[in-house]
C-alpha atoms as a PDB file:
ATOM      1  CA  ALA A   1       0.000   0.000   0.000  1.00  0.00           C
ATOM      2  CA  VAL A   2       2.984   2.287   0.498  1.00  0.00           C
ATOM      3  CA  GLY A   3       3.982   2.079  -3.179  1.00  0.00           C
ATOM      4  CA  SER A   4       0.493   2.921  -4.431  1.00  0.00           C
ATOM      5  CA  GLY A   5       0.618   6.350  -2.767  1.00  0.00           C
ATOM      6  CA  LEU A   6       3.830   7.105  -4.630  1.00  0.00           C
ATOM      7  CA  ILE A   7       2.276   5.985  -7.917  1.00  0.00           C
ATOM      8  CA  ASP A   8      -0.726   8.237  -7.299  1.00  0.00           C
ATOM      9  CA  GLN A   9       1.607  11.165  -6.612  1.00  0.00           C
ATOM     10  CA  LEU A  10       3.571  10.511  -9.805  1.00  0.00           C
ATOM     11  CA  ALA A  11       0.367  10.207 -11.837  1.00  0.00           C
ATOM     12  CA  GLY A  12      -0.797  13.551 -10.435  1.00  0.00           C
ATOM     13  CA  LEU A  13       2.589  15.075 -11.245  1.00  0.00           C
ATOM     14  CA  HIS A  14       2.437  13.847 -14.837  1.00  0.00           C
ATOM     15  CA  PHE A  15      -1.081  15.196 -15.263  1.00  0.00           C
ATOM     16  CA  ARG A  16       0.006  18.563 -13.841  1.00  0.00           C
ATOM     17  CA  SER A  17       2.980  18.633 -16.228  1.00  0.00           C
ATOM     18  CA  PHE A  18       0.612  17.856 -19.075  1.00  0.00           C
ATOM     19  CA  LEU A  19      -1.592  20.786 -18.104  1.00  0.00           C
ATOM     20  CA  LEU A  20       1.371  23.151 -17.721  1.00  0.00           C
ATOM     21  CA  TYR A  21       3.004  22.261 -21.037  1.00  0.00           C
ATOM     22  CA  GLY A  22       0.431  20.430 -23.127  1.00  0.00           C
ATOM     23  CA  ILE A  23      -2.339  23.003 -23.145  1.00  0.00           C
ATOM     24  CA  PRO A  24      -0.146  25.990 -24.147  1.00  0.00           C
ATOM     25  CA  GLY A  25       1.485  23.751 -26.766  1.00  0.00           C
ATOM     26  CA  LEU A  26      -1.911  22.792 -28.139  1.00  0.00           C
ATOM     27  CA  LEU A  27      -2.992  26.444 -28.286  1.00  0.00           C
ATOM     28  CA  TYR A  28       0.259  27.327 -30.077  1.00  0.00           C
ATOM     29  CA  CYS A  29      -0.412  24.546 -32.602  1.00  0.00           C
ATOM     30  CA  ILE A  30      -3.930  25.821 -33.243  1.00  0.00           C
ATOM     31  CA  ASP A  31      -2.631  29.388 -33.638  1.00  0.00           C
ATOM     32  CA  ASN A  32      -0.032  28.263 -36.180  1.00  0.00           C
ATOM     33  CA  ASN A  33      -2.616  26.316 -38.163  1.00  0.00           C
ATOM     34  CA  PHE A  34      -4.911  29.339 -38.275  1.00  0.00           C
ATOM     35  CA  GLN A  35      -2.182  31.158 -40.191  1.00  0.00           C
ATOM     36  CA  TYR A  36      -2.826  28.888 -43.163  1.00  0.00           C
ATOM     37  CA  VAL A  37      -6.560  29.461 -42.958  1.00  0.00           C
ATOM     38  CA  ILE A  38      -6.066  33.229 -42.748  1.00  0.00           C
ATOM     39  CA  LEU A  39      -3.681  33.146 -45.732  1.00  0.00           C
ATOM     40  CA  GLY A  40      -6.662  32.068 -47.813  1.00  0.00           C
ATOM     41  CA  PHE A  41      -8.202  35.485 -47.146  1.00  0.00           C
ATOM     42  CA  LEU A  42      -5.163  37.785 -46.866  1.00  0.00           C
ATOM     43  CA  GLN A  43      -1.908  38.371 -48.653  1.00  0.00           C
ATOM     44  CA  PRO A  44       1.222  37.215 -46.770  1.00  0.00           C
ATOM     45  CA  ALA A  45       2.362  40.834 -46.269  1.00  0.00           C
ATOM     46  CA  GLU A  46      -0.984  41.727 -44.683  1.00  0.00           C
ATOM     47  CA  LEU A  47      -0.698  38.745 -42.363  1.00  0.00           C
ATOM     48  CA  ALA A  48       2.792  39.826 -41.290  1.00  0.00           C
ATOM     49  CA  VAL A  49       1.484  43.294 -40.426  1.00  0.00           C
ATOM     50  CA  LEU A  50      -1.367  41.815 -38.396  1.00  0.00           C
ATOM     51  CA  TRP A  51       0.996  39.496 -36.528  1.00  0.00           C
ATOM     52  CA  ASN A  52       3.272  42.429 -35.648  1.00  0.00           C
ATOM     53  CA  PHE A  53       0.281  44.437 -34.491  1.00  0.00           C
ATOM     54  CA  LYS A  54      -0.775  41.485 -32.332  1.00  0.00           C
ATOM     55  CA  MET A  55       2.470  41.927 -30.397  1.00  0.00           C
ATOM     56  CA  PHE A  56       1.691  45.599 -29.761  1.00  0.00           C
ATOM     57  CA  ALA A  57      -1.865  44.799 -28.679  1.00  0.00           C
ATOM     58  CA  THR A  58      -0.548  42.197 -26.226  1.00  0.00           C
ATOM     59  CA  VAL A  59       1.829  44.731 -24.670  1.00  0.00           C
ATOM     60  CA  VAL A  60      -0.928  47.322 -24.290  1.00  0.00           C
ATOM     61  CA  LEU A  61      -3.340  44.804 -22.773  1.00  0.00           C
ATOM     62  CA  LEU A  62      -0.689  43.574 -20.327  1.00  0.00           C
ATOM     63  CA  HIS A  63      -0.060  47.165 -19.298  1.00  0.00           C
ATOM     64  CA  VAL A  64      -3.729  48.078 -18.886  1.00  0.00           C
ATOM     65  CA  PHE A  65      -5.151  44.957 -17.269  1.00  0.00           C
ATOM     66  CA  LEU A  66      -2.190  43.419 -15.442  1.00  0.00           C
ATOM     67  CA  ARG A  67      -0.456  46.723 -14.679  1.00  0.00           C
ATOM     68  CA  ARG A  68       2.800  45.545 -16.163  1.00  0.00           C
ATOM     69  CA  ARG A  69       5.455  48.250 -16.261  1.00  0.00           C
ATOM     70  CA  TYR A  70       7.666  48.848 -19.269  1.00  0.00           C
ATOM     71  CA  ALA A  71      10.818  50.928 -19.585  1.00  0.00           C
ATOM     72  CA  LEU A  72      10.986  53.906 -21.932  1.00  0.00           C
ATOM     73  CA  HIS A  73      13.114  52.025 -24.466  1.00  0.00           C
ATOM     74  CA  GLN A  74      10.513  49.240 -24.582  1.00  0.00           C
ATOM     75  CA  TRP A  75       7.733  51.735 -25.337  1.00  0.00           C
ATOM     76  CA  LEU A  76       9.925  53.312 -28.008  1.00  0.00           C
ATOM     77  CA  ALA A  77      10.430  49.862 -29.541  1.00  0.00           C
ATOM     78  CA  MET A  78       6.658  49.386 -29.600  1.00  0.00           C
ATOM     79  CA  LEU A  79       6.267  52.803 -31.225  1.00  0.00           C
ATOM     80  CA  ALA A  80       8.780  51.786 -33.890  1.00  0.00           C
ATOM     81  CA  LEU A  81       6.860  48.541 -34.424  1.00  0.00           C
ATOM     82  CA  VAL A  82       3.568  50.383 -34.896  1.00  0.00           C
ATOM     83  CA  ALA A  83       5.227  52.895 -37.222  1.00  0.00           C
ATOM     84  CA  GLY A  84       6.624  50.007 -39.257  1.00  0.00           C
ATOM     85  CA  CYS A  85       3.176  48.412 -39.446  1.00  0.00           C
ATOM     86  CA  ALA A  86       1.611  51.722 -40.539  1.00  0.00           C
ATOM     87  CA  LEU A  87       4.103  52.227 -43.338  1.00  0.00           C
END
């Protein structure tokens, strides 16, 4: 009976590892596959601009909702990214 407790702990650990790594990996896979679907509707250059803008939107949302702080040079880099997307 002593060994079964250890097996239960290891099974729980493996399931937790699956949740920590498997779910984000699955979401990343789905996101990458959506690129091919989106390419059916957009030109590759338009998709690249949208993907770069997605990075800027993530930074702004992290700042607004999670109160993440960024240094001045990081904001300037985001400004350069947006300017590059606009051009």
